[in-house]
Amino acid sequence: MIVEKLLLNTSIRLGRYFGISDDYFFKIQNELDLRNVLMKNKSDFDAIRRVTVKQ
C-alpha cells in the first residue's frame, strides 16, 4: 500500500531526525488506526462470538 510505505518512510526519517527509533511514529499511527477502527465498528466486533471446541 502506497500510504503505508510513505508512512514508514516518514517514520524512519523523523526517527533519525529526532534521534529515536525508526518505527516510533509508525507505531503511534498504527495504534491510532486500531483504536479508530475498534470504535467505528464496535457493534460488529461485539457481535462476534468465540468458537468453542469440545474435547
N, C-alpha and C. Protein backbone atom coordinates (compact mmCIF):
# COMPACT_ATOMS: atom_id res chain seq x y z
N MET A 1 0.85 -1.18 0.00
CA MET A 1 0.00 0.00 0.00
C MET A 1 0.89 1.24 0.00
N ILE A 2 0.61 2.18 -0.85
CA ILE A 2 1.43 3.38 -1.01
C ILE A 2 1.45 4.21 0.26
N VAL A 3 0.30 4.39 0.90
CA VAL A 3 0.23 5.22 2.11
C VAL A 3 1.09 4.62 3.21
N GLU A 4 1.03 3.28 3.38
CA GLU A 4 1.83 2.63 4.41
C GLU A 4 3.31 2.80 4.14
N LYS A 5 3.73 2.66 2.88
CA LYS A 5 5.14 2.84 2.54
C LYS A 5 5.57 4.27 2.82
N LEU A 6 4.71 5.23 2.50
CA LEU A 6 5.01 6.62 2.77
C LEU A 6 5.13 6.86 4.27
N LEU A 7 4.22 6.29 5.05
CA LEU A 7 4.26 6.44 6.50
C LEU A 7 5.53 5.83 7.07
N LEU A 8 5.92 4.66 6.59
CA LEU A 8 7.15 4.03 7.06
C LEU A 8 8.36 4.90 6.73
N ASN A 9 8.40 5.40 5.51
CA ASN A 9 9.50 6.25 5.08
C ASN A 9 9.57 7.49 5.97
N THR A 10 8.44 8.11 6.21
CA THR A 10 8.39 9.32 7.03
C THR A 10 8.76 9.01 8.47
N SER A 11 8.30 7.88 9.00
CA SER A 11 8.62 7.49 10.36
C SER A 11 10.13 7.31 10.54
N ILE A 12 10.76 6.68 9.58
CA ILE A 12 12.21 6.48 9.65
C ILE A 12 12.93 7.82 9.62
N ARG A 13 12.51 8.68 8.72
CA ARG A 13 13.16 10.00 8.61
C ARG A 13 12.98 10.82 9.89
N LEU A 14 11.76 10.84 10.43
CA LEU A 14 11.53 11.59 11.67
C LEU A 14 12.28 10.98 12.84
N GLY A 15 12.29 9.66 12.89
CA GLY A 15 13.03 8.97 13.96
C GLY A 15 14.51 9.33 13.94
N ARG A 16 15.09 9.33 12.77
CA ARG A 16 16.51 9.67 12.66
C ARG A 16 16.75 11.14 12.97
N TYR A 17 15.83 11.99 12.55
CA TYR A 17 15.95 13.43 12.80
C TYR A 17 15.92 13.72 14.30
N PHE A 18 14.98 13.07 15.01
CA PHE A 18 14.83 13.32 16.44
C PHE A 18 15.67 12.39 17.31
N GLY A 19 16.38 11.44 16.70
CA GLY A 19 17.24 10.54 17.45
C GLY A 19 16.48 9.49 18.24
N ILE A 20 15.35 9.04 17.70
CA ILE A 20 14.56 7.99 18.34
C ILE A 20 14.43 6.82 17.38
N SER A 21 13.70 5.78 17.79
CA SER A 21 13.62 4.59 16.96
C SER A 21 12.93 4.88 15.62
N ASP A 22 13.34 4.13 14.62
CA ASP A 22 12.81 4.31 13.26
C ASP A 22 11.30 4.08 13.19
N ASP A 23 10.78 3.21 14.04
CA ASP A 23 9.36 2.87 13.96
C ASP A 23 8.49 3.60 14.99
N TYR A 24 9.02 4.55 15.70
CA TYR A 24 8.29 5.25 16.75
C TYR A 24 6.98 5.86 16.23
N PHE A 25 7.05 6.66 15.20
CA PHE A 25 5.86 7.33 14.66
C PHE A 25 4.93 6.34 13.96
N PHE A 26 5.50 5.30 13.37
CA PHE A 26 4.70 4.26 12.73
C PHE A 26 3.83 3.54 13.76
N LYS A 27 4.42 3.22 14.91
CA LYS A 27 3.67 2.54 15.98
C LYS A 27 2.55 3.42 16.51
N ILE A 28 2.82 4.70 16.68
CA ILE A 28 1.78 5.63 17.14
C ILE A 28 0.62 5.66 16.15
N GLN A 29 0.93 5.77 14.87
CA GLN A 29 -0.12 5.83 13.86
C GLN A 29 -0.92 4.54 13.82
N ASN A 30 -0.24 3.41 13.93
CA ASN A 30 -0.95 2.13 13.93
C ASN A 30 -1.88 2.01 15.13
N GLU A 31 -1.44 2.46 16.30
CA GLU A 31 -2.28 2.43 17.50
C GLU A 31 -3.52 3.30 17.31
N LEU A 32 -3.34 4.48 16.74
CA LEU A 32 -4.49 5.35 16.48
C LEU A 32 -5.45 4.73 15.47
N ASP A 33 -4.90 4.15 14.42
CA ASP A 33 -5.74 3.50 13.41
C ASP A 33 -6.54 2.35 14.02
N LEU A 34 -5.89 1.55 14.86
CA LEU A 34 -6.55 0.43 15.51
C LEU A 34 -7.69 0.92 16.41
N ARG A 35 -7.43 1.93 17.22
CA ARG A 35 -8.47 2.47 18.10
C ARG A 35 -9.65 3.01 17.30
N ASN A 36 -9.37 3.70 16.22
CA ASN A 36 -10.44 4.26 15.39
C ASN A 36 -11.31 3.16 14.78
N VAL A 37 -10.68 2.12 14.28
CA VAL A 37 -11.44 1.01 13.68
C VAL A 37 -12.27 0.30 14.75
N LEU A 38 -11.68 0.10 15.94
CA LEU A 38 -12.43 -0.56 17.01
C LEU A 38 -13.64 0.26 17.43
N MET A 39 -13.48 1.57 17.54
CA MET A 39 -14.60 2.42 17.93
C MET A 39 -15.66 2.48 16.84
N LYS A 40 -15.23 2.60 15.60
CA LYS A 40 -16.16 2.74 14.48
C LYS A 40 -16.99 1.47 14.28
N ASN A 41 -16.39 0.32 14.52
CA ASN A 41 -17.05 -0.96 14.25
C ASN A 41 -17.36 -1.75 15.51
N LYS A 42 -17.47 -1.08 16.64
CA LYS A 42 -17.64 -1.74 17.93
C LYS A 42 -18.79 -2.74 17.93
N SER A 43 -19.93 -2.35 17.44
CA SER A 43 -21.09 -3.25 17.48
C SER A 43 -20.86 -4.50 16.62
N ASP A 44 -20.20 -4.34 15.49
CA ASP A 44 -19.88 -5.50 14.65
C ASP A 44 -18.93 -6.45 15.37
N PHE A 45 -17.90 -5.90 15.98
CA PHE A 45 -16.92 -6.74 16.67
C PHE A 45 -17.51 -7.38 17.92
N ASP A 46 -18.38 -6.65 18.62
CA ASP A 46 -19.02 -7.20 19.82
C ASP A 46 -19.97 -8.35 19.48
N ALA A 47 -20.48 -8.37 18.26
CA ALA A 47 -21.41 -9.43 17.84
C ALA A 47 -20.69 -10.74 17.50
N ILE A 48 -19.40 -10.71 17.36
CA ILE A 48 -18.63 -11.92 17.03
C ILE A 48 -18.50 -12.78 18.28
N ARG A 49 -18.89 -14.03 18.15
CA ARG A 49 -18.80 -14.97 19.27
C ARG A 49 -17.63 -15.91 19.05
N ARG A 50 -16.93 -16.16 20.12
CA ARG A 50 -15.76 -17.03 20.07
C ARG A 50 -16.20 -18.47 19.81
N VAL A 51 -15.45 -19.16 18.99
CA VAL A 51 -15.74 -20.55 18.71
C VAL A 51 -15.24 -21.39 19.90
N THR A 52 -15.99 -22.40 20.25
CA THR A 52 -15.56 -23.31 21.31
C THR A 52 -15.35 -24.69 20.71
N VAL A 53 -14.34 -25.34 21.20
CA VAL A 53 -14.01 -26.68 20.71
C VAL A 53 -14.25 -27.66 21.85
N LYS A 54 -15.07 -28.65 21.59
CA LYS A 54 -15.35 -29.68 22.59
C LYS A 54 -14.24 -30.72 22.54
N GLN A 55 -13.81 -31.10 23.73
CA GLN A 55 -12.72 -32.09 23.80
C GLN A 55 -13.23 -33.44 24.23
